[in-house]
Amino acid sequence: MSGNLNSNNIEKDEFDLNTEVSDYEDLITKLKEIKSTIALLEKTIFR
C-alpha cells in the first residue's frame, strides 16, 4: 500500500509543479502586457 501512496504523491507533486509552471507563465504574459501598456502610455504622454 505504501507503494501506491508514493505513486500518488509523485503524481500530485508533478501536478503541483505543472500548475506552478503554468502560473509562472501566466504571470510573465501579464507582465509583458503591462509593459506594453506602459510603453504605449509613455508614448502618448510624451508626444
C-alpha atoms as a PDB file:
ATOM      1  CA  MET A   1       0.000   0.000   0.000  1.00  0.00           C
ATOM      2  CA  SER A   2       2.867   2.426   0.678  1.00  0.00           C
ATOM      3  CA  GLY A   3       3.984   1.973  -2.936  1.00  0.00           C
ATOM      4  CA  ASN A   4       0.592   3.208  -4.050  1.00  0.00           C
ATOM      5  CA  LEU A   5       0.841   6.216  -1.745  1.00  0.00           C
ATOM      6  CA  ASN A   6       4.279   7.077  -3.104  1.00  0.00           C
ATOM      7  CA  SER A   7       2.942   6.873  -6.647  1.00  0.00           C
ATOM      8  CA  ASN A   8       0.066   9.187  -5.741  1.00  0.00           C
ATOM      9  CA  ASN A   9       2.455  11.639  -4.086  1.00  0.00           C
ATOM     10  CA  ILE A  10       4.689  11.705  -7.164  1.00  0.00           C
ATOM     11  CA  GLU A  11       1.687  12.362  -9.406  1.00  0.00           C
ATOM     12  CA  LYS A  12       0.482  15.115  -7.061  1.00  0.00           C
ATOM     13  CA  ASP A  13       3.955  16.677  -6.991  1.00  0.00           C
ATOM     14  CA  GLU A  14       4.104  16.624 -10.794  1.00  0.00           C
ATOM     15  CA  PHE A  15       0.649  18.211 -10.982  1.00  0.00           C
ATOM     16  CA  ASP A  16       1.681  20.894  -8.479  1.00  0.00           C
ATOM     17  CA  LEU A  17       4.843  21.585 -10.473  1.00  0.00           C
ATOM     18  CA  ASN A  18       2.865  21.857 -13.718  1.00  0.00           C
ATOM     19  CA  THR A  19       0.438  24.215 -12.008  1.00  0.00           C
ATOM     20  CA  GLU A  20       3.286  26.358 -10.696  1.00  0.00           C
ATOM     21  CA  VAL A  21       4.890  26.497 -14.145  1.00  0.00           C
ATOM     22  CA  SER A  22       1.553  27.436 -15.692  1.00  0.00           C
ATOM     23  CA  ASP A  23       1.006  30.148 -13.062  1.00  0.00           C
ATOM     24  CA  TYR A  24       4.513  31.469 -13.726  1.00  0.00           C
ATOM     25  CA  GLU A  25       3.915  31.560 -17.483  1.00  0.00           C
ATOM     26  CA  ASP A  26       0.599  33.376 -16.931  1.00  0.00           C
ATOM     27  CA  LEU A  27       2.362  35.917 -14.733  1.00  0.00           C
ATOM     28  CA  ILE A  28       5.068  36.508 -17.346  1.00  0.00           C
ATOM     29  CA  THR A  29       2.395  37.027 -20.015  1.00  0.00           C
ATOM     30  CA  LYS A  30       0.534  39.542 -17.862  1.00  0.00           C
ATOM     31  CA  LEU A  31       3.751  41.392 -17.046  1.00  0.00           C
ATOM     32  CA  LYS A  32       4.555  41.655 -20.761  1.00  0.00           C
ATOM     33  CA  GLU A  33       1.061  43.072 -21.383  1.00  0.00           C
ATOM     34  CA  ILE A  34       1.569  45.605 -18.590  1.00  0.00           C
ATOM     35  CA  LYS A  35       4.966  46.550 -20.038  1.00  0.00           C
ATOM     36  CA  SER A  36       3.391  47.122 -23.461  1.00  0.00           C
ATOM     37  CA  THR A  37       0.614  49.219 -21.953  1.00  0.00           C
ATOM     38  CA  ILE A  38       3.096  51.365 -20.035  1.00  0.00           C
ATOM     39  CA  ALA A  39       5.194  51.886 -23.170  1.00  0.00           C
ATOM     40  CA  LEU A  40       2.087  52.954 -25.101  1.00  0.00           C
ATOM     41  CA  LEU A  41       1.070  55.343 -22.326  1.00  0.00           C
ATOM     42  CA  GLU A  42       4.570  56.837 -22.243  1.00  0.00           C
ATOM     43  CA  LYS A  43       4.433  57.467 -25.994  1.00  0.00           C
ATOM     44  CA  THR A  44       1.028  59.113 -25.604  1.00  0.00           C
ATOM     45  CA  ILE A  45       2.090  61.291 -22.677  1.00  0.00           C
ATOM     46  CA  PHE A  46       5.416  62.440 -24.087  1.00  0.00           C
ATOM     47  CA  ARG A  47       4.188  63.438 -27.553  1.00  0.00           C
END
